[in-house]
Amino acid sequence: MTFTIYAALKALIILIVAVRFSYRLDPNSP
């Protein structure tokens, strides 16, 4: 059970980081 929570948390962090990185890469985004 703990492993599932860890995996979900890691996936969420990666998703947020990817979104922030893409936002920085494209300054034309709102």
C-alpha atoms as a PDB file:
ATOM      1  CA  MET A   1       0.000   0.000   0.000  1.00  0.00           C
ATOM      2  CA  THR A   2       2.790   2.405   0.869  1.00  0.00           C
ATOM      3  CA  PHE A   3       4.465   1.620  -2.458  1.00  0.00           C
ATOM      4  CA  THR A   4       1.331   2.650  -4.359  1.00  0.00           C
ATOM      5  CA  ILE A   5       1.148   5.959  -2.498  1.00  0.00           C
ATOM      6  CA  TYR A   6       4.841   6.584  -3.206  1.00  0.00           C
ATOM      7  CA  ALA A   7       4.380   5.804  -6.901  1.00  0.00           C
ATOM      8  CA  ALA A   8       1.373   8.124  -7.170  1.00  0.00           C
ATOM      9  CA  LEU A   9       3.222  10.906  -5.354  1.00  0.00           C
ATOM     10  CA  LYS A  10       6.271  10.503  -7.609  1.00  0.00           C
ATOM     11  CA  ALA A  11       4.094  10.562 -10.727  1.00  0.00           C
ATOM     12  CA  LEU A  12       2.348  13.722  -9.516  1.00  0.00           C
ATOM     13  CA  ILE A  13       5.661  15.466  -8.817  1.00  0.00           C
ATOM     14  CA  ILE A  14       7.022  14.472 -12.243  1.00  0.00           C
ATOM     15  CA  LEU A  15       3.864  15.779 -13.901  1.00  0.00           C
ATOM     16  CA  ILE A  16       4.080  19.135 -12.082  1.00  0.00           C
ATOM     17  CA  VAL A  17       7.785  19.464 -12.906  1.00  0.00           C
ATOM     18  CA  ALA A  18       7.123  18.667 -16.578  1.00  0.00           C
ATOM     19  CA  VAL A  19       4.330  21.255 -16.758  1.00  0.00           C
ATOM     20  CA  ARG A  20       6.499  23.935 -15.132  1.00  0.00           C
ATOM     21  CA  PHE A  21       9.410  23.045 -17.434  1.00  0.00           C
ATOM     22  CA  SER A  22       7.209  23.289 -20.531  1.00  0.00           C
ATOM     23  CA  TYR A  23       5.847  26.625 -19.303  1.00  0.00           C
ATOM     24  CA  ARG A  24       9.397  27.963 -18.970  1.00  0.00           C
ATOM     25  CA  LEU A  25      10.294  26.567 -22.391  1.00  0.00           C
ATOM     26  CA  ASP A  26       7.342  28.356 -24.056  1.00  0.00           C
ATOM     27  CA  PRO A  27       7.062  31.961 -22.789  1.00  0.00           C
ATOM     28  CA  ASN A  28       4.153  32.580 -25.160  1.00  0.00           C
ATOM     29  CA  SER A  29       1.953  30.374 -22.989  1.00  0.00           C
ATOM     30  CA  PRO A  30      -0.586  32.246 -20.855  1.00  0.00           C
END
